[in-house]
N, C-alpha and C. Protein backbone atom coordinates (compact mmCIF):
# COMPACT_ATOMS: atom_id res chain seq x y z
N UNK A 1 0.85 -1.18 0.00
CA UNK A 1 0.00 0.00 0.00
C UNK A 1 0.90 1.25 0.00
N UNK A 2 0.58 2.24 -0.83
CA UNK A 2 1.42 3.45 -0.87
C UNK A 2 1.39 4.18 0.48
N UNK A 3 2.51 4.80 0.81
CA UNK A 3 2.59 5.60 2.03
C UNK A 3 2.28 7.04 1.66
N UNK A 4 1.15 7.53 2.15
CA UNK A 4 0.71 8.90 1.85
C UNK A 4 0.61 9.67 3.17
N UNK A 5 1.40 10.72 3.29
CA UNK A 5 1.40 11.53 4.51
C UNK A 5 0.02 12.14 4.71
N UNK A 6 -0.44 12.23 5.96
CA UNK A 6 -1.78 12.78 6.22
C UNK A 6 -1.98 14.22 5.75
N UNK A 7 -0.90 14.99 5.62
CA UNK A 7 -1.05 16.38 5.18
C UNK A 7 -1.04 16.52 3.65
N UNK A 8 -0.84 15.43 2.92
CA UNK A 8 -0.87 15.48 1.46
C UNK A 8 -2.32 15.64 0.99
N UNK A 9 -2.50 16.40 -0.08
CA UNK A 9 -3.82 16.61 -0.68
C UNK A 9 -3.83 15.84 -1.99
N UNK A 10 -4.58 14.74 -2.03
CA UNK A 10 -4.52 13.81 -3.16
C UNK A 10 -5.89 13.67 -3.81
N UNK A 11 -5.94 13.90 -5.12
CA UNK A 11 -7.16 13.76 -5.92
C UNK A 11 -7.55 12.28 -5.97
N UNK A 12 -8.84 12.02 -5.97
CA UNK A 12 -9.34 10.64 -6.01
C UNK A 12 -9.00 9.93 -7.33
N UNK A 13 -8.65 10.70 -8.38
CA UNK A 13 -8.31 10.09 -9.67
C UNK A 13 -6.85 9.63 -9.74
N UNK A 14 -6.06 9.96 -8.73
CA UNK A 14 -4.64 9.58 -8.73
C UNK A 14 -4.50 8.08 -8.48
N UNK A 15 -3.48 7.50 -9.14
CA UNK A 15 -3.18 6.08 -8.97
C UNK A 15 -1.72 5.93 -8.56
N UNK A 16 -1.48 5.03 -7.58
CA UNK A 16 -0.15 4.87 -7.02
C UNK A 16 0.29 3.42 -7.06
N UNK A 17 1.59 3.20 -7.30
CA UNK A 17 2.16 1.87 -7.12
C UNK A 17 2.13 1.55 -5.63
N UNK A 18 2.18 0.27 -5.30
CA UNK A 18 2.04 -0.14 -3.91
C UNK A 18 3.16 0.38 -3.02
N UNK A 19 4.33 0.69 -3.58
CA UNK A 19 5.45 1.15 -2.75
C UNK A 19 5.78 2.63 -2.96
N UNK A 20 4.88 3.39 -3.57
CA UNK A 20 5.08 4.83 -3.76
C UNK A 20 5.03 5.53 -2.40
N UNK A 21 5.79 6.63 -2.28
CA UNK A 21 5.81 7.42 -1.04
C UNK A 21 5.45 8.87 -1.37
N UNK A 22 4.41 9.38 -0.70
CA UNK A 22 3.96 10.75 -0.90
C UNK A 22 4.18 11.48 0.42
N UNK A 23 5.07 12.46 0.40
CA UNK A 23 5.48 13.15 1.61
C UNK A 23 4.53 14.26 2.03
N UNK A 24 4.91 14.94 3.12
CA UNK A 24 4.05 15.99 3.68
C UNK A 24 3.88 17.18 2.74
N UNK A 25 2.67 17.72 2.72
CA UNK A 25 2.38 18.92 1.97
C UNK A 25 2.30 18.76 0.47
N UNK A 26 2.33 17.53 -0.03
CA UNK A 26 2.25 17.32 -1.48
C UNK A 26 0.83 17.57 -1.97
N UNK A 27 0.72 18.06 -3.20
CA UNK A 27 -0.56 18.33 -3.84
C UNK A 27 -0.59 17.56 -5.15
N UNK A 28 -1.60 16.69 -5.29
CA UNK A 28 -1.74 15.90 -6.51
C UNK A 28 -3.16 16.13 -7.02
N UNK A 29 -3.26 16.74 -8.23
CA UNK A 29 -4.55 17.08 -8.80
C UNK A 29 -4.73 16.39 -10.14
N UNK A 30 -5.92 15.86 -10.37
CA UNK A 30 -6.24 15.26 -11.66
C UNK A 30 -5.72 13.85 -11.80
N UNK A 31 -5.79 13.33 -13.03
CA UNK A 31 -5.34 11.96 -13.28
C UNK A 31 -3.82 11.88 -13.29
N UNK A 32 -3.26 11.45 -12.19
CA UNK A 32 -1.82 11.31 -12.03
C UNK A 32 -1.53 9.86 -11.70
N UNK A 33 -0.53 9.28 -12.38
CA UNK A 33 -0.10 7.91 -12.11
C UNK A 33 1.34 7.95 -11.63
N UNK A 34 1.59 7.33 -10.47
CA UNK A 34 2.92 7.32 -9.88
C UNK A 34 3.41 5.88 -9.81
N UNK A 35 4.57 5.65 -10.45
CA UNK A 35 5.11 4.30 -10.59
C UNK A 35 5.81 3.77 -9.36
N UNK A 36 6.23 2.50 -9.44
CA UNK A 36 6.88 1.82 -8.32
C UNK A 36 8.18 2.50 -7.90
N UNK A 37 8.41 2.53 -6.60
CA UNK A 37 9.65 3.06 -6.07
C UNK A 37 9.81 4.56 -6.21
N UNK A 38 8.76 5.27 -6.57
CA UNK A 38 8.84 6.72 -6.73
C UNK A 38 8.52 7.40 -5.42
N UNK A 39 9.32 8.44 -5.09
CA UNK A 39 9.17 9.17 -3.83
C UNK A 39 8.96 10.65 -4.11
N UNK A 40 7.95 11.22 -3.48
CA UNK A 40 7.74 12.66 -3.47
C UNK A 40 8.13 13.10 -2.07
N UNK A 41 9.28 13.75 -1.93
CA UNK A 41 9.84 14.03 -0.61
C UNK A 41 8.90 14.92 0.23
N UNK A 42 8.57 16.09 -0.26
CA UNK A 42 7.66 17.01 0.46
C UNK A 42 7.32 18.18 -0.45
N UNK A 43 6.15 18.76 -0.24
CA UNK A 43 5.73 19.98 -0.93
C UNK A 43 5.85 19.90 -2.45
N UNK A 44 5.62 18.73 -3.01
CA UNK A 44 5.64 18.52 -4.47
C UNK A 44 4.23 18.75 -5.00
N UNK A 45 4.10 19.45 -6.13
CA UNK A 45 2.79 19.70 -6.74
C UNK A 45 2.75 19.07 -8.13
N UNK A 46 1.75 18.23 -8.34
CA UNK A 46 1.59 17.54 -9.63
C UNK A 46 0.19 17.81 -10.16
N UNK A 47 0.10 18.10 -11.47
CA UNK A 47 -1.19 18.34 -12.12
C UNK A 47 -1.31 17.38 -13.29
N UNK A 48 -2.38 16.59 -13.30
CA UNK A 48 -2.58 15.63 -14.37
C UNK A 48 -3.26 16.26 -15.57
N UNK A 49 -3.20 15.59 -16.71
CA UNK A 49 -2.69 14.23 -16.85
C UNK A 49 -1.17 14.18 -16.77
N UNK A 50 -0.69 13.28 -15.90
CA UNK A 50 0.75 13.15 -15.68
C UNK A 50 1.06 11.72 -15.28
N UNK A 51 2.15 11.19 -15.81
CA UNK A 51 2.61 9.85 -15.45
C UNK A 51 4.07 9.93 -15.03
N UNK A 52 4.36 9.39 -13.86
CA UNK A 52 5.73 9.26 -13.37
C UNK A 52 6.09 7.79 -13.41
N UNK A 53 7.22 7.45 -14.01
CA UNK A 53 7.65 6.06 -14.11
C UNK A 53 8.20 5.52 -12.80
N UNK A 54 9.04 4.52 -12.94
CA UNK A 54 9.61 3.77 -11.83
C UNK A 54 10.85 4.48 -11.27
N UNK A 55 11.01 4.44 -9.94
CA UNK A 55 12.24 4.86 -9.30
C UNK A 55 12.60 6.32 -9.39
N UNK A 56 11.62 7.21 -9.42
CA UNK A 56 11.88 8.65 -9.46
C UNK A 56 11.87 9.23 -8.06
N UNK A 57 12.63 10.29 -7.86
CA UNK A 57 12.61 11.04 -6.59
C UNK A 57 12.38 12.50 -6.93
N UNK A 58 11.32 13.07 -6.36
CA UNK A 58 11.01 14.49 -6.56
C UNK A 58 11.24 15.21 -5.24
N UNK A 59 12.08 16.22 -5.29
CA UNK A 59 12.48 16.96 -4.09
C UNK A 59 11.52 18.12 -3.83
N UNK A 60 11.60 18.73 -2.63
CA UNK A 60 10.66 19.78 -2.26
C UNK A 60 10.54 20.91 -3.29
N UNK A 61 9.31 21.32 -3.48
CA UNK A 61 8.89 22.45 -4.32
C UNK A 61 8.96 22.18 -5.82
N UNK A 62 9.05 20.92 -6.22
CA UNK A 62 8.95 20.58 -7.64
C UNK A 62 7.50 20.73 -8.06
N UNK A 63 7.27 21.31 -9.23
CA UNK A 63 5.93 21.42 -9.81
C UNK A 63 5.98 20.88 -11.23
N UNK A 64 5.13 19.91 -11.52
CA UNK A 64 5.08 19.29 -12.85
C UNK A 64 3.64 19.24 -13.35
N UNK A 65 3.48 19.42 -14.65
CA UNK A 65 2.18 19.25 -15.29
C UNK A 65 1.33 20.49 -15.39
N UNK A 66 1.80 21.59 -14.85
CA UNK A 66 1.02 22.83 -14.89
C UNK A 66 1.24 23.56 -16.21
N UNK A 67 0.32 24.47 -16.52
CA UNK A 67 0.45 25.27 -17.73
C UNK A 67 1.74 26.09 -17.67
N UNK A 68 2.36 26.35 -18.82
CA UNK A 68 3.58 27.14 -18.82
C UNK A 68 3.31 28.58 -18.38
N UNK A 69 4.32 29.21 -17.84
CA UNK A 69 4.18 30.60 -17.40
C UNK A 69 4.48 31.52 -18.58
N UNK A 70 3.58 31.49 -19.56
CA UNK A 70 3.73 32.24 -20.80
C UNK A 70 2.37 32.87 -21.10
N UNK A 71 2.31 34.16 -21.16
CA UNK A 71 1.02 34.85 -21.36
C UNK A 71 0.37 34.51 -22.69
N UNK A 72 1.15 34.06 -23.66
CA UNK A 72 0.58 33.70 -24.97
C UNK A 72 -0.14 32.35 -24.92
N UNK A 73 0.12 31.55 -23.91
CA UNK A 73 -0.49 30.23 -23.80
C UNK A 73 -1.91 30.37 -23.26
N UNK A 74 -2.86 29.78 -23.96
CA UNK A 74 -4.26 29.80 -23.50
C UNK A 74 -4.44 28.68 -22.48
N UNK A 75 -4.59 29.04 -21.22
CA UNK A 75 -4.68 28.03 -20.16
C UNK A 75 -5.92 27.14 -20.29
N UNK A 76 -6.88 27.55 -21.07
CA UNK A 76 -8.07 26.73 -21.28
C UNK A 76 -7.83 25.61 -22.28
N UNK A 77 -6.69 25.65 -22.98
CA UNK A 77 -6.35 24.61 -23.95
C UNK A 77 -5.83 23.38 -23.22
N UNK A 78 -6.51 22.26 -23.42
CA UNK A 78 -6.08 21.02 -22.77
C UNK A 78 -4.83 20.49 -23.47
N UNK A 79 -3.87 20.09 -22.69
CA UNK A 79 -2.64 19.54 -23.24
C UNK A 79 -2.68 18.02 -23.26
N UNK A 80 -1.68 17.44 -23.86
CA UNK A 80 -1.58 15.99 -23.95
C UNK A 80 -1.15 15.38 -22.63
N UNK A 81 -0.61 16.18 -21.74
CA UNK A 81 -0.15 15.66 -20.47
C UNK A 81 1.37 15.57 -20.43
N UNK A 82 1.87 15.13 -19.31
CA UNK A 82 3.30 15.04 -19.09
C UNK A 82 3.65 13.61 -18.74
N UNK A 83 4.73 13.10 -19.32
CA UNK A 83 5.21 11.75 -19.02
C UNK A 83 6.68 11.85 -18.63
N UNK A 84 7.01 11.36 -17.44
CA UNK A 84 8.37 11.31 -16.93
C UNK A 84 8.74 9.83 -16.88
N UNK A 85 9.87 9.47 -17.44
CA UNK A 85 10.29 8.06 -17.49
C UNK A 85 10.76 7.52 -16.15
N UNK A 86 11.73 6.62 -16.21
CA UNK A 86 12.22 5.92 -15.02
C UNK A 86 13.55 6.50 -14.54
N UNK A 87 13.78 6.33 -13.24
CA UNK A 87 15.07 6.63 -12.60
C UNK A 87 15.54 8.07 -12.79
N UNK A 88 14.69 9.00 -12.54
CA UNK A 88 15.04 10.43 -12.63
C UNK A 88 15.07 11.02 -11.23
């Protein structure tokens, strides 16, 4: 069963490998898949659609899957999502 810190805010659409670790203050929104052996240390923010592969470690204050900080980008445009491979 994944270890999810009680202070983490996790969307019901998120899916976790049985040995995933979600640290304190993490925010997971939307369809996010977290692979085996992946650790979110603390204060990590993920926005789906997003897939994290096997054996990744995300350190505090990492943000993935959000719209780019570019005024020309229409935030209402749905993207294809973000895919991060293994061992990053």
